[in-house]
N, C-alpha and C. Protein backbone atom coordinates (compact mmCIF):
# COMPACT_ATOMS: atom_id res chain seq x y z
N MET A 1 187.76 -58.77 -96.71
CA MET A 1 187.78 -59.75 -98.53
C MET A 1 189.02 -58.74 -98.80
N LYS A 2 189.88 -59.97 -99.36
CA LYS A 2 191.33 -59.33 -100.00
C LYS A 2 190.74 -59.37 -101.63
N CYS A 3 191.32 -58.34 -102.31
CA CYS A 3 190.92 -57.91 -103.50
C CYS A 3 192.14 -58.80 -104.26
N PRO A 4 191.15 -59.94 -105.00
CA PRO A 4 191.72 -60.80 -106.30
C PRO A 4 192.86 -60.30 -106.93
N TYR A 5 193.31 -58.86 -107.46
CA TYR A 5 193.93 -58.23 -108.20
C TYR A 5 195.01 -57.27 -107.44
N CYS A 6 194.89 -56.90 -106.45
CA CYS A 6 196.33 -56.30 -105.42
C CYS A 6 196.41 -56.91 -104.48
N GLY A 7 195.33 -57.61 -103.49
CA GLY A 7 195.66 -58.16 -102.33
C GLY A 7 195.34 -57.49 -101.64
N TYR A 8 194.91 -56.28 -101.25
CA TYR A 8 194.53 -55.06 -100.50
C TYR A 8 193.09 -55.82 -99.57
N GLU A 9 193.10 -55.50 -98.27
CA GLU A 9 192.43 -56.16 -97.26
C GLU A 9 190.98 -55.52 -97.35
N GLU A 10 190.87 -54.10 -97.43
CA GLU A 10 189.42 -53.33 -97.80
C GLU A 10 189.02 -53.65 -98.89
N SER A 11 187.68 -53.58 -98.95
CA SER A 11 186.71 -53.15 -100.37
C SER A 11 185.62 -53.27 -99.59
N LYS A 12 184.73 -52.37 -100.63
CA LYS A 12 183.13 -51.88 -99.89
C LYS A 12 182.69 -52.46 -101.19
N VAL A 13 181.79 -53.43 -100.66
CA VAL A 13 180.32 -53.78 -101.23
C VAL A 13 179.31 -52.55 -102.30
N VAL A 14 179.16 -53.19 -103.31
CA VAL A 14 178.60 -51.93 -104.10
C VAL A 14 177.35 -52.82 -104.40
N ASP A 15 176.94 -53.99 -104.59
CA ASP A 15 175.66 -54.74 -105.00
C ASP A 15 175.82 -55.72 -104.28
N SER A 16 174.34 -56.14 -103.73
CA SER A 16 174.03 -57.63 -103.18
C SER A 16 172.67 -58.23 -103.66
N ARG A 17 172.71 -59.19 -103.84
CA ARG A 17 171.60 -59.65 -104.59
C ARG A 17 171.51 -61.16 -104.43
N SER A 18 170.20 -61.60 -103.70
CA SER A 18 170.18 -63.57 -103.67
C SER A 18 170.24 -64.00 -105.08
N SER A 19 171.05 -65.38 -104.66
CA SER A 19 170.91 -66.02 -105.83
C SER A 19 170.80 -67.65 -105.68
N ASP A 20 170.71 -68.41 -106.33
CA ASP A 20 170.50 -70.24 -106.19
C ASP A 20 169.45 -70.27 -104.92
N ASP A 21 168.31 -69.44 -105.41
CA ASP A 21 166.98 -69.58 -104.80
C ASP A 21 167.26 -69.23 -102.89
N GLY A 22 167.97 -68.19 -103.03
CA GLY A 22 168.29 -67.54 -101.62
C GLY A 22 169.29 -67.98 -100.91
N GLU A 23 169.84 -69.31 -101.40
CA GLU A 23 170.83 -70.19 -100.88
C GLU A 23 172.23 -69.48 -100.67
N ARG A 24 172.63 -68.46 -101.43
CA ARG A 24 173.61 -67.84 -101.79
C ARG A 24 173.07 -65.95 -101.79
N ILE A 25 174.10 -65.45 -101.46
CA ILE A 25 174.45 -63.76 -101.22
C ILE A 25 175.26 -63.47 -102.78
N ARG A 26 175.38 -63.22 -103.70
CA ARG A 26 176.09 -62.81 -104.78
C ARG A 26 176.01 -61.15 -104.09
N ARG A 27 178.06 -60.87 -103.97
CA ARG A 27 178.34 -59.36 -103.65
C ARG A 27 179.33 -59.39 -104.88
N ARG A 28 179.06 -57.80 -105.02
CA ARG A 28 179.92 -57.49 -105.76
C ARG A 28 180.59 -56.22 -105.16
N ARG A 29 182.07 -56.09 -104.79
CA ARG A 29 182.83 -55.54 -104.36
C ARG A 29 183.88 -54.73 -105.06
N GLU A 30 184.09 -53.93 -104.62
CA GLU A 30 185.55 -52.40 -104.68
C GLU A 30 186.19 -52.33 -104.07
N CYS A 31 187.74 -52.92 -104.58
CA CYS A 31 188.73 -52.57 -104.06
C CYS A 31 188.95 -51.46 -103.46
N ALA A 32 189.13 -50.94 -102.20
CA ALA A 32 189.58 -49.47 -101.73
C ALA A 32 190.94 -48.92 -102.33
N ARG A 33 191.86 -50.08 -102.92
CA ARG A 33 193.24 -49.47 -103.24
C ARG A 33 192.94 -49.19 -105.04
N CYS A 34 192.58 -50.47 -105.32
CA CYS A 34 192.90 -50.33 -106.93
C CYS A 34 191.53 -50.23 -107.84
N PHE A 35 190.38 -50.27 -106.86
CA PHE A 35 188.73 -49.40 -107.17
C PHE A 35 188.81 -51.01 -108.59
N LYS A 36 189.11 -51.82 -108.46
CA LYS A 36 188.92 -53.10 -109.73
C LYS A 36 187.62 -53.82 -108.77
N ARG A 37 187.07 -54.14 -109.60
CA ARG A 37 185.56 -55.02 -109.24
C ARG A 37 185.45 -56.56 -109.01
N PHE A 38 185.41 -57.15 -108.25
CA PHE A 38 185.03 -58.39 -107.97
C PHE A 38 183.74 -58.76 -107.24
N THR A 39 183.59 -60.48 -107.34
CA THR A 39 181.93 -60.66 -106.95
C THR A 39 182.48 -61.86 -105.89
N THR A 40 181.81 -61.92 -104.74
CA THR A 40 181.75 -63.04 -104.06
C THR A 40 180.67 -63.60 -103.89
N TYR A 41 180.53 -64.71 -103.21
CA TYR A 41 179.17 -65.43 -102.55
C TYR A 41 179.25 -65.72 -101.58
N GLU A 42 178.19 -65.69 -100.83
CA GLU A 42 178.43 -65.63 -99.06
C GLU A 42 177.06 -66.78 -99.06
N THR A 43 177.81 -67.70 -98.44
CA THR A 43 176.91 -68.86 -98.21
C THR A 43 176.93 -69.34 -96.42
N VAL A 44 175.49 -70.01 -96.04
CA VAL A 44 175.37 -70.47 -94.78
C VAL A 44 176.41 -71.36 -94.26
N GLU A 45 177.24 -71.27 -93.72
CA GLU A 45 178.23 -72.56 -92.99
C GLU A 45 177.47 -73.64 -92.11
N LEU A 46 177.27 -74.81 -92.86
CA LEU A 46 176.62 -75.78 -91.98
C LEU A 46 177.96 -76.94 -91.66
N ILE A 47 176.89 -77.31 -90.05
CA ILE A 47 177.94 -78.23 -89.43
C ILE A 47 177.39 -79.67 -90.17
N PRO A 48 178.75 -80.00 -90.48
CA PRO A 48 178.61 -81.40 -91.13
C PRO A 48 177.52 -82.21 -90.19
N VAL A 49 176.70 -83.09 -91.31
CA VAL A 49 176.10 -84.66 -90.77
C VAL A 49 177.03 -85.88 -91.35
N ILE A 50 176.86 -86.20 -90.12
CA ILE A 50 178.30 -87.98 -90.19
C ILE A 50 177.16 -88.99 -90.47
N VAL A 51 177.27 -89.58 -91.39
CA VAL A 51 176.41 -90.82 -91.92
C VAL A 51 177.56 -92.04 -90.99
N VAL A 52 176.63 -92.83 -90.41
CA VAL A 52 177.51 -94.16 -90.00
C VAL A 52 176.75 -94.97 -90.58
N LYS A 53 177.54 -95.67 -91.17
CA LYS A 53 176.97 -96.94 -92.41
C LYS A 53 177.02 -98.60 -91.59
N ARG A 54 176.03 -99.14 -92.11
CA ARG A 54 176.46 -100.76 -91.85
C ARG A 54 177.41 -101.16 -90.91
N ASP A 55 178.76 -100.86 -91.50
CA ASP A 55 179.87 -101.38 -90.98
C ASP A 55 180.42 -100.75 -89.78
N ASN A 56 179.49 -99.48 -89.16
CA ASN A 56 180.10 -98.82 -88.17
C ASN A 56 181.07 -97.68 -88.79
N SER A 57 181.46 -97.52 -89.96
CA SER A 57 182.61 -96.86 -90.39
C SER A 57 181.43 -95.42 -90.60
N ARG A 58 182.16 -94.27 -90.35
CA ARG A 58 181.85 -93.08 -90.22
C ARG A 58 181.91 -92.50 -91.71
N GLU A 59 181.34 -91.57 -92.18
CA GLU A 59 182.01 -90.34 -93.46
C GLU A 59 180.58 -89.17 -93.15
N THR A 60 180.79 -88.17 -94.17
CA THR A 60 180.69 -86.82 -93.66
C THR A 60 179.57 -87.33 -95.08
N PHE A 61 177.84 -86.35 -94.89
CA PHE A 61 176.75 -87.05 -95.10
C PHE A 61 177.51 -85.90 -97.00
N ASP A 62 176.92 -86.91 -97.78
CA ASP A 62 177.13 -86.37 -99.59
C ASP A 62 175.88 -86.49 -100.33
N LYS A 63 175.55 -85.36 -100.46
CA LYS A 63 174.29 -85.32 -101.61
C LYS A 63 174.00 -85.75 -102.42
N ASN A 64 175.53 -85.84 -102.93
CA ASN A 64 175.80 -85.99 -104.33
C ASN A 64 175.86 -87.82 -104.23
N LYS A 65 175.62 -88.36 -103.21
CA LYS A 65 175.66 -89.97 -103.14
C LYS A 65 174.32 -90.32 -103.08
N LEU A 66 173.69 -89.62 -102.50
CA LEU A 66 171.73 -89.98 -102.42
C LEU A 66 171.50 -89.54 -103.75
N LEU A 67 171.88 -88.34 -104.22
CA LEU A 67 171.55 -88.19 -105.99
C LEU A 67 171.65 -89.13 -106.56
N SER A 68 172.76 -89.99 -106.74
CA SER A 68 173.29 -91.09 -107.52
C SER A 68 172.16 -92.69 -107.37
N GLY A 69 172.04 -92.45 -106.16
CA GLY A 69 171.27 -93.77 -105.63
C GLY A 69 169.82 -93.24 -106.40
N LEU A 70 169.28 -92.23 -105.87
CA LEU A 70 167.81 -92.01 -106.68
C LEU A 70 168.05 -91.72 -107.99
N PHE A 71 168.89 -91.23 -108.58
CA PHE A 71 169.08 -91.52 -110.34
C PHE A 71 168.86 -92.80 -110.51
N LYS A 72 169.79 -93.57 -109.72
CA LYS A 72 169.79 -95.15 -110.70
C LYS A 72 168.65 -95.77 -110.47
N ALA A 73 167.70 -95.36 -109.67
CA ALA A 73 166.44 -95.80 -108.93
C ALA A 73 164.97 -95.30 -109.75
N CYS A 74 165.23 -94.15 -110.36
CA CYS A 74 164.59 -93.30 -111.55
C CYS A 74 164.80 -93.36 -112.96
N GLU A 75 165.84 -94.29 -113.35
CA GLU A 75 166.46 -94.49 -114.72
C GLU A 75 165.36 -94.59 -115.36
N LYS A 76 165.30 -94.16 -116.67
CA LYS A 76 163.82 -94.16 -117.69
C LYS A 76 162.43 -94.44 -117.11
N ARG A 77 162.15 -93.75 -115.83
CA ARG A 77 160.67 -93.67 -115.25
C ARG A 77 160.63 -92.04 -115.77
N PRO A 78 159.13 -91.97 -115.89
CA PRO A 78 159.06 -90.33 -115.91
C PRO A 78 158.76 -89.66 -115.15
N ILE A 79 159.87 -89.33 -114.47
CA ILE A 79 159.96 -88.56 -113.27
C ILE A 79 161.37 -87.29 -113.57
N PRO A 80 160.26 -86.02 -113.02
CA PRO A 80 161.36 -84.70 -113.57
C PRO A 80 162.55 -84.59 -113.09
N LEU A 81 163.55 -84.24 -113.04
CA LEU A 81 164.85 -84.01 -112.88
C LEU A 81 164.32 -83.04 -111.71
N ASP A 82 163.71 -81.89 -111.58
CA ASP A 82 163.54 -81.20 -110.01
C ASP A 82 162.76 -82.40 -109.31
N THR A 83 162.23 -82.90 -109.45
CA THR A 83 161.45 -83.97 -108.26
C THR A 83 162.67 -84.68 -107.61
N ILE A 84 163.48 -85.14 -108.56
CA ILE A 84 164.56 -85.94 -107.56
C ILE A 84 165.44 -85.11 -107.35
N GLU A 85 165.52 -84.12 -107.41
CA GLU A 85 166.18 -83.39 -106.65
C GLU A 85 166.08 -82.57 -105.24
N GLY A 86 164.62 -82.41 -105.62
CA GLY A 86 163.57 -81.84 -104.47
C GLY A 86 163.61 -83.39 -103.48
N ILE A 87 163.77 -83.98 -103.81
CA ILE A 87 163.60 -85.35 -102.81
C ILE A 87 165.00 -84.88 -101.95
N ALA A 88 166.12 -85.27 -102.57
CA ALA A 88 167.25 -85.19 -102.00
C ALA A 88 167.66 -83.64 -100.87
N ASN A 89 167.46 -82.51 -102.05
CA ASN A 89 167.26 -80.97 -100.82
C ASN A 89 166.16 -81.59 -99.75
N THR A 90 165.63 -82.04 -99.58
CA THR A 90 164.19 -82.13 -98.66
C THR A 90 164.87 -83.15 -97.53
N ILE A 91 165.44 -83.89 -98.29
CA ILE A 91 166.47 -85.19 -97.23
C ILE A 91 167.21 -84.44 -96.56
N GLU A 92 168.41 -83.48 -97.50
CA GLU A 92 169.48 -82.71 -96.89
C GLU A 92 169.21 -82.17 -95.75
N GLY A 93 167.39 -81.18 -96.14
CA GLY A 93 167.28 -80.26 -94.89
C GLY A 93 166.82 -80.83 -93.55
N GLN A 94 166.12 -82.31 -94.03
CA GLN A 94 165.64 -82.81 -92.68
C GLN A 94 167.05 -83.31 -91.57
N LEU A 95 167.88 -83.55 -92.43
CA LEU A 95 169.22 -84.12 -91.59
C LEU A 95 169.85 -82.75 -91.28
N GLN A 96 170.13 -81.24 -91.83
CA GLN A 96 170.80 -80.46 -91.28
C GLN A 96 169.99 -79.89 -90.06
N SER A 97 168.57 -79.92 -90.32
CA SER A 97 167.62 -79.79 -89.10
C SER A 97 167.59 -80.15 -87.85
N SER A 98 167.78 -81.53 -88.04
CA SER A 98 167.94 -82.41 -86.71
C SER A 98 168.88 -81.87 -85.73
N VAL A 99 168.47 -82.37 -84.90
CA VAL A 99 169.62 -81.86 -83.44
C VAL A 99 170.92 -82.51 -83.67
N GLU A 100 170.45 -83.80 -84.26
CA GLU A 100 171.47 -85.14 -84.05
C GLU A 100 172.49 -85.23 -84.93
N ARG A 101 173.74 -85.03 -84.89
CA ARG A 101 175.14 -84.87 -85.82
C ARG A 101 175.09 -86.28 -86.66
N GLU A 102 175.01 -87.25 -86.33
CA GLU A 102 175.25 -88.55 -87.18
C GLU A 102 173.89 -89.23 -87.18
N VAL A 103 174.03 -89.99 -88.18
CA VAL A 103 172.48 -90.41 -88.22
C VAL A 103 173.04 -91.73 -89.04
N SER A 104 172.33 -92.53 -89.28
CA SER A 104 172.59 -93.78 -89.86
C SER A 104 172.27 -93.95 -91.05
N SER A 105 173.06 -94.84 -91.98
CA SER A 105 172.53 -94.49 -93.56
C SER A 105 171.04 -95.86 -93.72
N GLN A 106 170.79 -96.29 -92.76
CA GLN A 106 169.38 -96.83 -92.92
C GLN A 106 168.25 -95.86 -92.60
N LYS A 107 168.62 -94.74 -91.97
CA LYS A 107 167.39 -93.83 -91.77
C LYS A 107 167.73 -92.61 -92.66
N ILE A 108 168.24 -92.75 -93.46
CA ILE A 108 168.85 -91.73 -94.82
C ILE A 108 168.04 -92.91 -96.08
N GLY A 109 168.16 -93.85 -95.89
CA GLY A 109 167.31 -94.90 -97.04
C GLY A 109 166.23 -95.14 -96.88
N GLU A 110 165.56 -94.77 -95.44
CA GLU A 110 164.22 -94.87 -95.43
C GLU A 110 163.58 -93.55 -96.05
N LEU A 111 164.06 -92.37 -95.62
CA LEU A 111 163.44 -91.00 -95.89
C LEU A 111 163.45 -91.28 -97.24
N ALA A 112 164.13 -91.77 -98.06
CA ALA A 112 164.50 -92.20 -99.70
C ALA A 112 163.06 -92.58 -100.08
N MET A 113 162.99 -93.39 -99.01
CA MET A 113 162.45 -94.62 -100.06
C MET A 113 160.51 -94.19 -99.61
N LEU A 114 161.03 -93.23 -98.65
CA LEU A 114 159.33 -93.11 -98.72
C LEU A 114 159.17 -91.97 -99.48
N ALA A 115 159.84 -90.84 -99.87
CA ALA A 115 159.78 -89.87 -100.80
C ALA A 115 159.29 -90.81 -102.20
N LEU A 116 160.07 -91.79 -102.52
CA LEU A 116 159.94 -92.27 -103.73
C LEU A 116 158.44 -93.14 -103.77
N ARG A 117 158.18 -93.98 -102.79
CA ARG A 117 157.09 -94.36 -102.94
C ARG A 117 155.61 -93.52 -102.98
N ASP A 118 156.04 -91.94 -103.02
CA ASP A 118 154.65 -91.25 -103.18
C ASP A 118 154.95 -90.60 -104.72
N VAL A 119 156.36 -91.28 -104.96
CA VAL A 119 156.46 -90.58 -106.60
C VAL A 119 156.05 -91.29 -107.80
N ASP A 120 156.63 -92.58 -107.41
CA ASP A 120 156.80 -93.19 -108.42
C ASP A 120 157.55 -95.27 -108.00
N GLU A 121 156.19 -95.74 -108.31
CA GLU A 121 155.96 -97.30 -107.05
C GLU A 121 157.47 -97.97 -107.67
N VAL A 122 157.83 -97.86 -109.15
CA VAL A 122 158.57 -98.66 -109.50
C VAL A 122 160.28 -98.25 -109.11
N ALA A 123 160.41 -96.96 -108.99
CA ALA A 123 161.86 -96.45 -108.57
C ALA A 123 161.65 -96.78 -107.26
N TYR A 124 160.39 -96.52 -106.60
CA TYR A 124 160.64 -97.14 -104.89
C TYR A 124 161.20 -98.32 -104.74
N VAL A 125 160.52 -99.32 -105.56
CA VAL A 125 161.05 -100.85 -105.38
C VAL A 125 162.56 -101.33 -105.99
N ARG A 126 162.98 -100.35 -107.29
CA ARG A 126 164.04 -100.35 -107.34
C ARG A 126 165.21 -99.86 -106.40
N PHE A 127 164.88 -98.86 -105.77
CA PHE A 127 165.63 -98.44 -104.42
C PHE A 127 165.31 -99.59 -103.25
N ALA A 128 164.54 -99.74 -103.09
CA ALA A 128 163.86 -100.74 -102.00
C ALA A 128 165.21 -102.03 -102.10
N SER A 129 164.98 -102.71 -103.56
CA SER A 129 165.59 -103.94 -104.01
C SER A 129 167.30 -103.26 -103.72
N VAL A 130 168.08 -102.55 -103.82
CA VAL A 130 169.36 -102.41 -103.66
C VAL A 130 169.22 -101.76 -101.85
N TYR A 131 168.09 -100.81 -101.26
CA TYR A 131 168.62 -100.97 -100.08
C TYR A 131 168.60 -101.80 -99.16
N ARG A 132 167.60 -102.19 -99.32
CA ARG A 132 167.17 -103.79 -98.72
C ARG A 132 167.77 -104.87 -98.54
N GLN A 133 168.60 -104.86 -99.38
CA GLN A 133 169.67 -106.15 -100.25
C GLN A 133 168.68 -107.08 -100.48
N PHE A 134 167.78 -107.37 -101.22
CA PHE A 134 167.22 -108.21 -101.34
C PHE A 134 167.73 -109.46 -101.57
N LYS A 135 167.72 -110.68 -101.23
CA LYS A 135 168.62 -111.76 -101.55
C LYS A 135 168.21 -112.68 -102.64
N ASP A 136 166.65 -112.71 -102.73
CA ASP A 136 165.98 -113.77 -103.70
C ASP A 136 164.91 -113.03 -104.13
N ILE A 137 164.22 -113.82 -105.10
CA ILE A 137 163.05 -113.45 -105.82
C ILE A 137 161.75 -113.25 -104.76
N ASN A 138 161.72 -114.17 -103.76
CA ASN A 138 160.71 -114.20 -102.61
C ASN A 138 160.80 -112.82 -102.11
N THR A 139 161.89 -112.36 -101.68
CA THR A 139 161.90 -111.07 -100.83
C THR A 139 161.44 -110.23 -101.61
N PHE A 140 161.86 -110.21 -102.90
CA PHE A 140 161.42 -109.19 -103.64
C PHE A 140 159.70 -109.08 -104.18
N MET A 141 159.32 -110.32 -103.95
CA MET A 141 157.77 -110.43 -104.30
C MET A 141 157.09 -110.10 -102.99
N GLU A 142 157.88 -110.56 -101.61
CA GLU A 142 156.99 -110.11 -100.23
C GLU A 142 157.08 -108.32 -100.41
N GLU A 143 157.77 -107.88 -100.76
CA GLU A 143 157.65 -106.49 -100.86
C GLU A 143 156.78 -105.67 -101.99
N LEU A 144 156.50 -106.44 -103.11
CA LEU A 144 155.53 -105.90 -104.34
C LEU A 144 154.16 -106.75 -103.54
N ASN A 145 153.94 -107.77 -102.74
CA ASN A 145 152.65 -108.05 -102.18
C ASN A 145 152.85 -106.79 -101.41
N ARG A 146 153.29 -106.18 -100.33
CA ARG A 146 152.77 -105.61 -99.55
C ARG A 146 152.43 -104.19 -99.71
N ILE A 147 153.22 -103.94 -101.31
CA ILE A 147 152.45 -102.52 -102.11
C ILE A 147 151.17 -103.35 -102.47
N MET A 148 150.64 -104.14 -103.13
CA MET A 148 149.75 -104.49 -103.76
C MET A 148 148.66 -104.44 -102.46
N ALA A 149 148.70 -104.53 -101.36
CA ALA A 149 147.91 -104.90 -100.35
C ALA A 149 147.63 -103.61 -99.60
N GLU A 150 148.77 -102.23 -99.55
CA GLU A 150 148.45 -101.05 -99.26
C GLU A 150 147.51 -99.97 -100.07
N LYS A 151 147.51 -100.48 -101.62
CA LYS A 151 146.47 -99.99 -102.61
C LYS A 151 145.14 -100.67 -102.25
């Protein structure tokens, strides 16, 4: 690790500890030349998951986009922020642990709807209305009737 002060490439680790719920390791280092201390963070390098969209275009999975959609669906609902972030983290974990490196946006939407359905029915219907592109009130009512029938 290169020293940010003098550029020397030798340093020793003085202290290590876990941060961000074990997602990263924080290391305090000391330069072998100038003896100044600096902090580095170590994270696992993940292989990117590619999302195949409806029009067959591809882009790297972005958890922030998923969070944005979840936040919109949960707006003005009594759902804690931790719950919404937990849903996004769970979905991201499922995608990372999958053998497949390409996943359809439909699968991500289905995973989000499954999670929202257990958390809040209104948020579920909001998300489903955008995800499934409800065209009219009849489509919307069909989804509501399906939820009511399952109760």
